[in-house]
Protein backbone atom coordinates (compact mmCIF):
# COMPACT_ATOMS: atom_id res chain seq x y z
CA MET A 1 -19.31 16.22 -10.40
CA LEU A 2 -20.76 13.01 -9.13
CA SER A 3 -24.11 13.45 -7.12
CA GLU A 4 -24.19 12.01 -3.60
CA SER A 5 -27.33 10.16 -4.58
CA THR A 6 -25.25 7.95 -6.68
CA ARG A 7 -23.20 6.48 -3.81
CA PRO A 8 -24.24 3.42 -1.78
CA GLN A 9 -25.97 4.41 1.39
CA SER A 10 -25.00 1.13 3.32
CA SER A 11 -23.34 -2.23 2.93
CA SER A 12 -26.71 -3.79 2.93
CA GLN A 13 -27.86 -2.07 -0.19
CA PRO A 14 -26.84 -3.04 -3.67
CA VAL A 15 -23.95 -1.13 -5.04
CA PRO A 16 -24.95 0.98 -8.02
CA ALA A 17 -22.94 0.56 -11.18
CA PRO A 18 -20.49 3.31 -11.11
CA PRO A 19 -19.56 5.55 -14.04
CA SER A 20 -16.12 5.62 -15.34
CA TYR A 21 -13.81 8.16 -16.89
CA ALA A 22 -12.90 5.69 -19.61
CA PRO A 23 -14.21 6.13 -23.25
CA ASN A 24 -17.00 4.20 -24.68
CA PHE A 25 -16.26 0.44 -25.34
CA SER A 26 -18.65 -0.07 -28.17
CA SER A 27 -15.60 -0.72 -30.34
CA ARG A 28 -13.46 -2.52 -27.71
CA LYS A 29 -10.11 -2.89 -29.32
CA ALA A 30 -10.00 0.69 -30.80
CA ALA A 31 -11.33 2.05 -27.63
CA ASP A 32 -8.58 0.14 -25.64
CA THR A 33 -5.87 1.80 -27.69
CA ALA A 34 -7.51 5.26 -27.30
CA GLN A 35 -7.72 4.84 -23.70
CA ASP A 36 -4.29 3.74 -23.05
CA ALA A 37 -3.13 6.82 -24.97
CA GLU A 38 -5.40 9.01 -22.88
CA LEU A 39 -4.33 7.48 -19.63
CA SER A 40 -0.60 7.91 -20.57
CA THR A 41 -1.47 11.58 -21.51
CA ASN A 42 -3.16 12.21 -18.20
CA SER A 43 -0.34 10.87 -16.21
CA CYS A 44 2.19 12.80 -17.95
CA ARG A 45 0.32 16.05 -18.49
CA ASN A 46 1.46 17.68 -15.12
CA THR A 47 4.84 16.09 -14.39
CA GLN A 48 6.89 17.34 -11.71
CA ALA A 49 10.12 15.79 -10.39
CA SER A 50 9.46 13.98 -7.20
CA TYR A 51 11.87 13.71 -4.19
CA LEU A 52 14.04 10.63 -4.29
CA GLY A 53 16.40 10.10 -1.51
CA GLU A 54 19.92 8.71 -0.91
CA SER A 55 19.61 5.16 0.13
CA GLY A 56 19.37 3.24 -3.22
CA PHE A 57 20.12 3.50 -6.67
CA MET A 58 17.65 6.07 -8.31
CA PRO A 59 18.72 8.43 -11.06
CA PHE A 60 17.09 11.56 -9.90
CA LEU A 61 19.98 13.85 -10.75
CA ASN A 62 17.81 16.75 -12.21
CA HIS A 63 17.50 19.53 -9.68
CA GLU A 64 15.30 21.82 -11.92
CA GLU A 65 11.64 21.63 -10.75
CA GLN A 66 9.46 20.12 -13.66
CA VAL A 67 6.73 22.90 -13.97
CA SER A 68 3.22 22.04 -14.98
CA SER A 69 2.50 22.51 -18.62
CA SER A 70 -1.12 22.94 -17.94
CA PRO A 71 -2.36 26.25 -16.35
CA GLY A 72 -4.73 25.85 -13.43
CA GLY A 73 -7.89 27.58 -12.44
CA GLY A 74 -10.10 26.78 -15.53
CA PRO A 75 -12.94 24.52 -15.85
CA VAL A 76 -12.55 20.85 -16.07
CA THR A 77 -15.04 18.64 -17.95
CA ILE A 78 -15.13 14.95 -16.73
CA LYS A 79 -16.86 12.53 -19.25
CA ILE A 80 -18.79 9.91 -17.55
CA ILE A 81 -19.83 7.36 -20.10
CA GLN A 82 -19.27 3.65 -18.86
CA THR A 83 -20.87 1.33 -16.49
CA ILE A 84 -18.42 -1.32 -14.91
CA GLU A 85 -19.72 -4.84 -15.29
CA PRO A 86 -18.68 -7.87 -13.14
CA LEU A 87 -15.90 -9.73 -14.59
CA ASN A 88 -16.66 -12.78 -16.73
CA PRO A 89 -17.01 -15.71 -14.38
CA VAL A 90 -14.64 -17.90 -16.47
CA LEU A 91 -12.30 -15.00 -17.00
CA ARG A 92 -12.36 -14.42 -13.14
CA LYS A 93 -11.52 -17.83 -12.44
CA SER A 94 -8.67 -17.96 -14.79
CA TYR A 95 -7.15 -14.73 -13.55
CA THR A 96 -7.76 -15.87 -9.84
CA ASP A 97 -5.77 -18.94 -10.48
CA ILE A 98 -2.88 -16.93 -12.05
CA PHE A 99 -2.82 -14.72 -8.87
CA LEU A 100 -2.69 -17.91 -6.49
CA LYS A 101 0.08 -19.48 -8.73
CA HIS A 102 2.27 -16.43 -9.25
CA CYS A 103 1.54 -13.84 -6.58
CA PHE A 104 0.08 -15.53 -3.42
CA THR A 105 3.64 -16.17 -1.85
CA PHE A 106 4.41 -12.56 -1.42
CA CYS A 107 0.94 -11.35 -1.49
CA PRO A 108 -1.16 -13.85 0.61
CA VAL A 109 -3.99 -11.32 0.97
CA MET A 110 -6.64 -13.62 -0.40
CA ASP A 111 -7.35 -17.31 -1.05
CA GLU A 112 -10.05 -19.36 -2.55
CA SER A 113 -12.07 -19.62 0.64
CA LEU A 114 -12.15 -15.93 0.99
CA LEU A 115 -13.15 -15.34 -2.56
CA ALA A 116 -15.98 -17.76 -2.08
CA LEU A 117 -17.66 -15.22 0.26
CA PRO A 118 -20.34 -13.08 -1.28
CA GLU A 119 -18.83 -10.03 0.30
CA TYR A 120 -15.48 -10.57 -1.81
CA GLU A 121 -16.75 -12.74 -4.63
CA THR A 122 -19.03 -9.92 -5.78
CA SER A 123 -16.65 -7.13 -5.10
CA LEU A 124 -16.22 -5.12 -8.24
CA ALA A 125 -12.98 -3.51 -7.09
CA ILE A 126 -11.37 -7.09 -6.20
CA GLN A 127 -12.49 -8.33 -9.68
CA GLN A 128 -11.00 -5.41 -11.54
CA SER A 129 -7.79 -5.86 -9.53
CA ILE A 130 -7.69 -9.56 -10.25
CA GLY A 131 -8.26 -8.66 -13.91
CA LEU A 132 -5.28 -6.37 -13.64
CA ILE A 133 -2.96 -9.12 -12.13
CA GLY A 134 -4.09 -11.76 -14.90
CA SER A 135 -3.73 -9.39 -17.77
CA VAL A 136 -0.27 -8.47 -16.77
CA ILE A 137 1.11 -11.81 -16.20
CA GLN A 138 -0.84 -13.94 -18.59
CA PRO A 139 -3.54 -12.14 -20.63
CA SER A 140 -6.52 -13.86 -22.15
CA LEU A 141 -6.37 -14.23 -25.92
CA LEU A 142 -10.14 -13.81 -26.13
CA HIS A 143 -10.51 -10.66 -23.91
CA VAL A 144 -8.66 -7.46 -25.03
CA ASP A 145 -8.97 -5.29 -21.87
CA LYS A 146 -5.43 -4.24 -20.92
CA PRO A 147 -3.95 -3.73 -17.37
CA SER A 148 -4.30 0.07 -17.66
CA VAL A 149 -8.00 -0.47 -18.20
CA TYR A 150 -8.58 -2.76 -15.27
CA TYR A 151 -6.36 -0.44 -13.25
CA GLU A 152 -8.38 2.62 -13.90
CA ARG A 153 -11.80 0.83 -13.19
CA ALA A 154 -10.49 -0.45 -9.89
CA ARG A 155 -8.90 2.86 -9.01
CA MET A 156 -12.19 4.77 -9.86
CA LEU A 157 -14.23 2.34 -7.70
CA ILE A 158 -12.07 2.80 -4.67
CA GLN A 159 -11.48 6.51 -4.87
CA GLY A 160 -15.03 7.10 -5.68
CA GLY A 161 -16.31 5.21 -2.64
CA TYR A 162 -18.11 2.44 -4.42
CA GLU A 163 -16.55 -0.41 -2.63
CA PRO A 164 -18.57 -0.64 0.61
CA ASN A 165 -16.28 -3.34 2.10
CA PRO A 166 -13.22 -1.61 3.46
CA LEU A 167 -11.24 -4.96 3.76
CA ALA A 168 -12.14 -5.76 0.11
CA ALA A 169 -10.99 -2.27 -0.95
CA LEU A 170 -7.63 -2.78 0.96
CA ILE A 171 -7.08 -6.03 -0.85
CA ALA A 172 -7.91 -4.64 -4.36
CA VAL A 173 -5.35 -1.71 -3.64
CA MET A 174 -2.73 -4.27 -2.72
CA LEU A 175 -2.90 -5.78 -6.07
CA PHE A 176 -1.80 -2.56 -7.78
CA TYR A 177 1.63 -3.53 -6.94
CA TRP A 178 2.10 -5.46 -10.15
CA HIS A 179 1.19 -2.36 -12.15
CA ALA A 180 3.03 0.98 -12.16
CA ALA A 181 1.00 3.68 -13.87
CA ALA A 182 3.41 6.31 -13.44
CA PRO A 183 7.32 6.19 -12.69
CA PRO A 184 8.69 7.02 -9.34
CA THR A 185 10.56 10.14 -10.68
CA VAL A 186 7.30 12.22 -10.86
CA ILE A 187 5.02 13.32 -8.35
CA SER A 188 1.71 11.47 -8.98
CA MET A 189 -1.08 9.72 -7.19
CA ASN A 190 -0.63 6.58 -9.39
CA THR A 191 2.72 5.45 -8.29
CA VAL A 192 3.34 2.29 -6.45
CA TRP A 193 4.69 4.40 -3.55
CA TRP A 194 1.44 6.27 -3.40
CA TRP A 195 -0.71 3.11 -3.32
CA ILE A 196 1.45 1.57 -0.63
CA GLY A 197 0.85 4.59 1.61
CA VAL A 198 -2.93 4.35 0.97
CA ALA A 199 -2.87 0.63 1.79
CA VAL A 200 -0.89 1.07 4.89
CA ARG A 201 -3.13 3.81 6.33
CA GLN A 202 -6.31 1.78 5.43
CA ALA A 203 -4.81 -1.16 7.20
CA GLN A 204 -4.28 1.12 10.26
CA GLU A 205 -7.74 2.34 10.18
CA LEU A 206 -8.80 -1.11 10.29
CA GLY A 207 -6.51 -1.86 13.30
CA LEU A 208 -4.42 -4.51 11.47
CA HIS A 209 -1.23 -3.08 12.95
CA ARG A 210 -2.47 -4.24 16.30
CA GLU A 211 -2.86 -7.80 17.49
CA ALA A 212 -6.59 -8.81 17.74
CA LYS A 213 -7.92 -8.92 21.24
CA ILE A 214 -9.86 -11.76 22.71
CA GLY A 215 -13.59 -11.59 21.81
CA GLN A 216 -12.88 -8.86 19.13
CA ALA A 217 -15.64 -8.89 16.38
CA PHE A 218 -14.30 -9.57 13.03
CA ARG A 219 -15.59 -8.50 9.42
CA PRO A 220 -16.85 -11.16 7.21
CA GLY A 221 -13.84 -13.32 5.92
CA GLU A 222 -11.57 -11.65 8.44
CA THR A 223 -9.33 -13.98 10.67
CA ILE A 224 -6.39 -13.46 12.87
CA GLY A 225 -4.10 -15.16 10.16
CA LEU A 226 -5.47 -12.95 7.43
CA ARG A 227 -4.80 -9.70 9.47
CA ARG A 228 -1.30 -10.74 10.05
CA ARG A 229 -0.52 -11.67 6.53
CA ILE A 230 -1.93 -8.44 5.13
CA TRP A 231 -0.12 -6.29 7.70
CA TRP A 232 3.24 -7.97 7.20
CA THR A 233 2.85 -8.05 3.35
CA LEU A 234 2.63 -4.19 3.58
CA PHE A 235 5.53 -3.90 5.97
CA ALA A 236 7.74 -5.79 3.77
CA ARG A 237 6.71 -3.87 0.70
CA GLU A 238 7.26 -0.49 2.40
CA ARG A 239 10.69 -1.58 3.57
CA LEU A 240 11.79 -2.55 -0.08
CA THR A 241 10.32 0.40 -1.67
CA ALA A 242 11.70 2.87 0.96
CA ILE A 243 15.25 1.58 0.45
CA CYS A 244 14.94 1.88 -3.30
CA GLN A 245 13.36 5.33 -3.41
CA GLY A 246 15.23 6.77 -0.49
CA ARG A 247 12.06 7.85 1.30
CA PRO A 248 11.04 7.62 4.86
CA CYS A 249 8.84 4.73 6.01
CA ILE A 250 5.08 5.34 7.22
CA ILE A 251 5.24 2.32 9.41
CA ASN A 252 6.96 2.60 12.97
CA PRO A 253 7.38 -0.70 14.53
CA LYS A 254 6.95 0.91 17.91
CA ASP A 255 3.39 1.61 17.13
CA CYS A 256 2.69 -2.02 16.14
CA ASP A 257 2.12 -5.19 18.44
CA VAL A 258 1.04 -7.63 15.84
CA LYS A 259 2.70 -10.78 16.18
CA ASP A 260 5.28 -11.91 13.65
CA PRO A 261 3.82 -14.19 10.91
CA THR A 262 4.14 -17.92 11.19
CA PRO A 263 2.98 -20.69 8.92
CA THR A 264 -0.02 -21.21 11.00
CA ASP A 265 -1.41 -17.90 9.83
CA PHE A 266 -1.94 -19.65 6.31
CA PRO A 267 -5.00 -21.70 5.40
CA ASN A 268 -2.50 -24.71 4.91
CA PRO A 269 0.52 -24.41 7.33
CA ASP A 270 2.37 -27.02 5.30
CA ASP A 271 2.26 -25.11 2.23
CA PRO A 272 5.99 -24.23 1.28
CA ARG A 273 4.90 -20.71 0.37
CA ALA A 274 3.93 -20.04 3.89
CA LEU A 275 7.69 -20.70 5.00
CA ILE A 276 8.95 -18.46 2.27
CA PHE A 277 6.74 -15.60 3.30
CA VAL A 278 7.69 -15.88 6.95
CA GLN A 279 11.44 -15.80 5.81
CA TRP A 280 10.80 -13.00 3.30
CA VAL A 281 9.25 -10.70 6.15
CA ARG A 282 12.29 -11.50 8.40
CA LEU A 283 14.57 -10.41 5.68
CA CYS A 284 12.61 -7.29 4.79
CA SER A 285 12.77 -6.21 8.40
CA ILE A 286 16.59 -6.28 8.06
CA VAL A 287 16.33 -4.45 4.77
CA GLY A 288 14.54 -1.70 6.53
CA ARG A 289 17.36 -1.18 8.93
CA VAL A 290 19.80 -1.09 6.15
CA GLY A 291 17.64 1.45 4.49
CA ASP A 292 17.57 3.65 7.80
CA HIS A 293 21.28 3.55 7.89
CA LEU A 294 21.82 4.62 4.27
CA ARG A 295 19.15 7.47 4.36
CA ARG A 296 20.19 8.82 7.86
CA ASN A 297 23.90 8.19 8.08
CA PRO A 298 25.52 6.64 4.99
CA SER A 299 28.90 7.65 6.04
CA GLY A 300 28.51 6.27 9.75
CA SER A 301 30.75 3.91 11.67
CA THR A 302 32.12 0.67 10.30
CA HIS A 303 30.60 -1.07 13.36
CA THR A 304 27.10 -0.21 12.14
CA VAL A 305 27.81 -1.72 8.66
CA ARG A 306 29.25 -4.83 10.41
CA ASP A 307 26.19 -5.26 12.50
CA LEU A 308 23.95 -5.01 9.43
CA LEU A 309 26.10 -7.37 7.51
CA ASP A 310 25.99 -9.78 10.40
CA GLU A 311 22.20 -9.79 10.35
CA LEU A 312 22.24 -10.49 6.64
CA ARG A 313 24.65 -13.32 7.09
CA ASN A 314 22.83 -14.85 9.93
CA TRP A 315 19.59 -14.78 7.96
CA ALA A 316 21.31 -16.48 5.14
CA GLN A 317 22.96 -19.19 7.38
CA ASN A 318 19.82 -19.93 9.42
CA LEU A 319 17.55 -20.43 6.36
CA PRO A 320 16.16 -24.01 6.20
CA GLU A 321 18.04 -26.17 3.66
CA THR A 322 15.08 -26.18 1.33
CA LEU A 323 14.92 -22.43 1.04
CA ARG A 324 18.74 -21.78 0.41
CA LEU A 325 19.74 -20.40 -2.92
CA SER A 326 21.55 -23.15 -4.98
CA PHE A 327 22.36 -23.58 -8.49
CA ASP A 328 24.00 -27.09 -8.40
CA ARG A 329 21.06 -29.28 -7.09
CA PRO A 330 17.63 -29.95 -8.50
CA MET A 331 14.97 -27.62 -7.23
CA SER A 332 11.28 -27.81 -7.25
CA THR A 333 10.23 -25.97 -10.40
CA GLU A 334 6.87 -25.17 -8.68
CA HIS A 335 8.55 -22.85 -6.19
CA GLU A 336 11.85 -22.02 -7.77
CA ALA A 337 10.63 -18.69 -8.95
CA GLU A 338 9.52 -17.79 -5.40
CA LEU A 339 12.95 -18.91 -3.82
CA TYR A 340 14.70 -16.62 -6.50
CA GLN A 341 12.42 -13.69 -5.42
CA LEU A 342 13.23 -14.25 -1.73
CA HIS A 343 16.98 -13.72 -2.23
CA PHE A 344 16.75 -10.80 -4.42
CA PRO A 345 16.53 -8.20 -1.53
CA TYR A 346 19.27 -10.04 0.32
CA LEU A 347 21.61 -10.05 -2.76
CA SER A 348 20.96 -6.23 -3.37
CA CYS A 349 21.64 -5.36 0.32
CA ILE A 350 24.95 -7.28 0.21
CA ALA A 351 25.89 -5.37 -2.86
CA LEU A 352 24.77 -2.03 -1.51
CA LEU A 353 26.83 -2.35 1.74
CA HIS A 354 29.77 -3.38 -0.46
CA LEU A 355 29.75 -0.46 -2.79
CA GLU A 356 31.24 2.89 -2.52
CA LYS A 357 31.21 6.09 -4.27
CA SER A 358 34.51 7.05 -5.97
CA SER A 359 36.15 9.53 -8.22
CA GLN A 360 35.44 7.17 -11.11
CA PRO A 361 31.94 7.21 -12.79
CA ILE A 362 31.39 3.61 -11.36
CA PRO A 363 31.39 2.97 -7.64
CA ARG A 364 34.02 0.76 -6.20
CA ALA A 365 32.91 -2.75 -5.34
CA THR A 366 34.36 -5.68 -3.33
CA THR A 367 34.29 -9.39 -4.09
CA ASN A 368 31.12 -9.70 -2.11
CA ALA A 369 29.30 -7.17 -4.12
CA LEU A 370 30.51 -9.08 -7.38
CA LEU A 371 29.54 -12.34 -5.92
CA ALA A 372 25.95 -10.92 -5.16
CA ALA A 373 25.76 -9.51 -8.64
CA SER A 374 26.77 -12.85 -10.28
CA CYS A 375 24.14 -14.60 -8.29
CA THR A 376 21.50 -11.93 -9.42
CA ALA A 377 22.55 -12.44 -12.98
CA ARG A 378 22.39 -16.20 -12.81
CA ILE A 379 18.88 -15.91 -11.40
CA PHE A 380 17.61 -13.78 -14.12
CA GLU A 381 19.33 -16.01 -16.71
CA ASN A 382 17.36 -18.93 -15.31
CA ILE A 383 14.09 -16.91 -15.45
CA LEU A 384 14.76 -15.73 -18.97
CA ILE A 385 15.44 -19.23 -20.26
CA ARG A 386 11.86 -20.12 -19.12
CA GLY A 387 10.58 -17.39 -21.29
CA SER A 388 8.84 -14.96 -19.20
CA LEU A 389 9.30 -12.61 -16.06
CA ARG A 390 6.01 -10.91 -16.27
CA PHE A 391 5.35 -12.40 -12.84
CA LEU A 392 7.86 -10.04 -11.26
CA GLN A 393 7.09 -6.77 -9.68
CA GLY A 394 8.69 -3.23 -10.43
CA MET A 395 11.15 -3.77 -7.77
CA ALA A 396 13.03 -6.32 -9.85
CA GLY A 397 14.34 -3.39 -11.93
CA TRP A 398 16.12 -2.00 -9.08
CA TYR A 399 17.80 -5.25 -8.07
CA ILE A 400 19.06 -5.56 -11.68
CA SER A 401 20.52 -2.08 -11.46
CA ILE A 402 22.27 -2.67 -8.11
CA ALA A 403 23.85 -5.78 -9.62
CA LEU A 404 24.91 -3.91 -12.81
CA LEU A 405 26.65 -1.36 -10.80
CA SER A 406 28.80 -3.81 -9.38
CA LEU A 407 29.56 -5.51 -12.51
CA LEU A 408 30.48 -2.25 -14.45
CA GLN A 409 33.19 -1.93 -11.76
CA GLY A 410 34.30 -5.56 -12.18
CA ARG A 411 34.62 -5.35 -15.97
CA GLN A 412 37.28 -2.73 -15.46
CA VAL A 413 39.74 -5.63 -14.24
CA GLY A 414 41.06 -7.31 -17.33
CA ARG A 415 40.72 -10.79 -15.90
CA LEU A 416 37.00 -10.13 -14.94
CA GLN A 417 36.01 -8.24 -18.11
CA GLN A 418 34.63 -11.26 -20.27
CA ALA A 419 32.94 -12.82 -17.36
CA ALA A 420 31.36 -9.55 -16.03
CA ASP A 421 30.28 -8.58 -19.58
CA GLU A 422 28.26 -11.70 -19.93
CA HIS A 423 26.36 -11.05 -16.83
CA ILE A 424 25.63 -7.59 -17.99
CA ARG A 425 24.25 -8.67 -21.26
CA VAL A 426 21.78 -11.09 -19.44
CA LEU A 427 20.72 -8.36 -16.84
CA ARG A 428 20.25 -5.70 -19.55
CA VAL A 429 17.97 -8.12 -21.44
CA ALA A 430 15.80 -8.55 -18.29
CA LEU A 431 15.67 -4.92 -17.69
CA ARG A 432 14.52 -4.28 -21.28
CA GLU A 433 11.86 -6.84 -20.78
CA LEU A 434 10.73 -5.22 -17.51
CA SER A 435 10.60 -1.72 -19.25
CA HIS A 436 7.80 -2.90 -21.41
CA ARG A 437 5.55 -2.60 -18.08
CA PHE A 438 7.48 -0.36 -15.82
CA GLY A 439 8.68 3.26 -16.36
CA SER A 440 11.14 2.85 -13.63
CA ALA A 441 12.91 -0.03 -15.76
CA LYS A 442 12.97 2.15 -18.64
CA MET A 443 14.63 4.82 -16.53
CA TYR A 444 17.18 2.32 -15.06
CA ASP A 445 18.12 1.16 -18.57
CA ARG A 446 18.89 4.56 -19.60
CA SER A 447 20.95 5.14 -16.54
CA ILE A 448 23.10 2.14 -17.22
CA GLU A 449 23.57 3.21 -20.63
CA ASN A 450 24.78 6.56 -19.55
CA LEU A 451 27.01 4.99 -16.95
CA LEU A 452 28.71 2.91 -19.72
CA ASN A 453 29.11 5.74 -21.86
CA ALA A 454 30.72 7.75 -19.10
CA GLN A 455 32.82 4.56 -18.21
CA GLN A 456 34.01 4.63 -22.01
CA ARG A 457 34.90 8.39 -21.85
CA TYR A 458 36.84 7.88 -18.59
CA SER A 459 38.74 5.02 -20.03
CA ALA A 460 39.62 6.87 -23.32
CA SER A 461 40.93 9.75 -21.20
CA GLY A 462 43.56 7.46 -19.75
CA ASP A 463 42.58 8.03 -16.12
CA MET A 464 41.28 4.50 -15.76
CA GLN A 465 44.54 2.97 -17.19
CA ALA A 466 46.65 5.11 -14.55
CA GLU A 467 44.24 4.15 -11.74
CA ARG A 468 44.51 0.52 -12.62
CA LEU A 469 48.23 0.55 -12.76
CA ARG A 470 48.34 2.22 -9.31
CA SER A 471 45.85 -0.24 -7.71
CA TYR A 472 46.82 -3.49 -9.41
CA PRO A 473 49.85 -3.27 -11.38
CA ASP A 474 50.24 -6.88 -12.32
CA GLU A 475 47.22 -8.35 -13.37
CA SER A 476 48.96 -11.41 -14.73
CA GLN A 477 49.33 -12.84 -11.12
CA SER A 478 47.89 -16.17 -10.39
CA ILE A 479 45.50 -14.51 -7.86
CA LEU A 480 43.90 -11.09 -7.77
CA PRO A 481 45.71 -8.45 -5.71
CA ARG A 482 44.93 -8.63 -1.98
CA GLU A 483 43.36 -5.50 -0.43
CA MET A 484 45.05 -4.32 2.62
CA ASP A 485 42.13 -2.57 4.36
CA ALA A 486 41.91 -3.89 8.04
CA ARG A 487 38.21 -3.00 8.01
CA LEU A 488 37.48 -6.07 5.79
CA SER A 489 39.10 -8.49 8.25
CA GLU A 490 35.67 -9.81 9.38
CA GLN A 491 34.28 -9.90 5.76
CA GLN A 492 36.84 -11.66 3.85
CA ASP A 493 35.28 -15.00 3.94
CA TRP A 494 32.67 -14.88 1.10
CA SER A 495 31.20 -18.24 2.25
CA LYS A 496 29.75 -16.48 5.21
CA TYR A 497 27.42 -14.51 3.01
CA PHE A 498 26.87 -17.15 0.32
CA PRO A 499 26.57 -20.73 2.09
CA GLY A 500 26.79 -23.48 -0.16
CA LEU A 501 27.55 -21.52 -3.27
CA PRO A 502 29.41 -23.57 -5.67
CA SER A 503 32.18 -22.13 -7.76
CA ASN A 504 30.85 -23.16 -10.93
CA VAL A 505 27.86 -20.91 -10.84
CA SER A 506 29.55 -18.70 -13.38
CA PRO A 507 32.97 -18.04 -14.79
CA LEU A 508 33.13 -14.75 -12.65
CA VAL A 509 32.46 -16.60 -9.37
CA GLU A 510 35.06 -19.22 -10.36
CA ILE A 511 37.73 -16.61 -10.68
CA LEU A 512 36.66 -14.78 -7.45
CA VAL A 513 36.44 -18.02 -5.46
CA ALA A 514 39.62 -19.21 -6.73
CA SER A 515 41.32 -16.11 -5.80
CA ASN A 516 39.57 -16.04 -2.37
CA GLN A 517 40.52 -12.32 -1.90
CA PRO A 518 38.23 -9.61 -0.61
CA SER A 519 38.67 -7.40 -3.56
CA PRO A 520 40.32 -6.69 -6.79
CA PHE A 521 39.72 -3.02 -6.16
CA SER A 522 41.96 -0.48 -4.43
CA ASP A 523 39.55 0.90 -1.60
CA TRP A 524 36.58 0.13 0.33
CA GLY A 525 34.46 2.07 2.75
CA ASN A 526 31.31 1.83 4.64
CA GLY A 527 28.13 1.16 2.94
CA ASN A 528 27.39 4.38 1.20
CA ASP A 529 24.70 6.09 -0.85
CA LEU A 530 24.80 5.51 -4.58
CA SER A 531 22.82 8.46 -5.41
CA TYR A 532 25.68 10.92 -5.06
CA LEU A 533 27.57 9.01 -7.83
CA LEU A 534 24.77 9.84 -10.22
CA TYR A 535 24.68 13.61 -9.64
CA ASP A 536 27.37 14.35 -12.34
CA ILE A 537 26.46 11.71 -14.75
CA PHE A 538 22.78 12.26 -15.73
CA ASP A 539 21.00 15.50 -16.97
CA ASN A 540 17.23 14.73 -16.84
CA PRO A 541 15.57 11.68 -15.25
CA LEU A 542 12.43 12.44 -17.01
CA ASP A 543 13.94 12.62 -20.50
CA GLY A 544 13.15 9.65 -22.54
CA ILE A 545 11.17 7.60 -20.12
CA THR A 546 9.00 6.69 -23.06
CA GLY A 547 11.89 6.37 -25.42
CA ASP A 548 12.22 3.60 -28.14
CA LEU A 549 13.55 0.64 -26.48
CA SER A 550 15.47 -0.25 -29.65
CA ASP A 551 17.86 2.65 -29.07
CA HIS A 552 20.68 0.78 -27.39
CA ILE A 553 24.18 1.67 -26.74
CA THR A 554 26.95 0.14 -29.11
CA GLY A 555 30.51 0.37 -29.33
CA TRP A 556 31.34 0.13 -25.47
CA GLY A 557 34.79 -1.30 -25.78
CA MET A 558 36.74 -4.32 -27.09
CA SER A 559 34.11 -6.97 -25.89
CA MET A 560 31.05 -4.97 -27.04
CA ASN A 561 31.65 -4.08 -30.62
CA ASP A 562 29.62 -7.13 -31.53
CA ARG A 563 26.65 -5.77 -29.85
CA SER A 564 26.82 -8.64 -27.44
CA PHE A 565 24.90 -6.75 -24.85
CA LEU A 566 21.84 -6.54 -26.84
């Protein structure tokens, strides 16, 4: 047990070097390996299935409680054998540059001027969190500390009360978003969802959810612009994570009066990243309402779904030309990745609201869902071609999975199969790359594999062929069959949701746009929860989370015998 005498008494006193629960680093490389194994063991030792709700694609089908394998009540020995040193100045500068280049747009919580202040420059918690970011995205070839090591140090500093600056502690926690020490399927205080909650409550304690009053005293480095940027970053993250995991939000907008972000809240209002952040927050506000609908009333009125789709459509149509998603004009390579990330939540929500559970193992999808999935696949293709997606956050795995659900339905139509399969191949490559860092991505990859297996079994039973004959008996027609559901009358114009999208984005888009029909499938309903679909498909969401990534499905059908999906 840590003695109270080891804790800092005030912010004016030097912070004592805190102990760590990590092993001795006298042999650094070997110790890193041992620590990684220890951290992995600790995070999985007492796994119990967590609650995952019904608004997004999460394979949480197991209803059996995961009972702790470790009996409680006995003594616990905590080894305290390490001192946390300040980060090497050169390494700190390198990793700070990586953060500013790859993360600042969607996490504008610190900049060079803030980090030049002593309260932040010397913060051990911020230094370790910056080390976490840098070692995730572009690790040093001369320093062997892994993300899990930096995470464990920063976590211990914050939870142990060794960071005297509450604003610095909040900023450090917000950088944990690029590292998931535990998957969302288990109850843990190391998940992204947990740390979002910690950060939101810390921000509320600091009063960041309220607009600063005239004459209000600020902490060192604190400005009105920084307060707004921190708060709206947390707001956007929480909305995205809540819709993905089906959990209730902490932030109630009625309790907040902080003004919407504007480019003037940034150190350089002319920075293109400032405008991207502003539009991202606006989009995530809509995402939050979509999540509320899917959590609370997934089978609600068509009017509600139409209103949400109108909000999404208006957001896309009102984007400045420089921020619109485009595949046929030159784009600034400096901010191309940010523009792609800006559109991921939009494309996922369009797909979610155009997917419906069905009697088949795969949900029904309309043309708009397929178009959104095709755009998502093209984005990931462009990212993969450039050689790395390590700058992406864990939510990227969910975006991929939503797109894959649409494409799995699309490949059941003969004319779409080849084009859909090519997108599926690209997205699965991206998902497997993400799975090296995120347990959730491993889970998604196994889920898609199970869906493909189920689809194969369904097809082999003859039910799929019978369904296809009933729904679209003549696939040889020059256009795809027209869907007669009158509820789609307001949504048949795909260009409303994809302004400026060229037909040559992909072969799949060319087919769909040329046909200009709302859907090649038989039915469409209101935006519905995809989780119900998964209840009868999977056995245990905790099985194989640490499985071998080389164990991939083969023999999925005519176009997959050559392992083209690998």
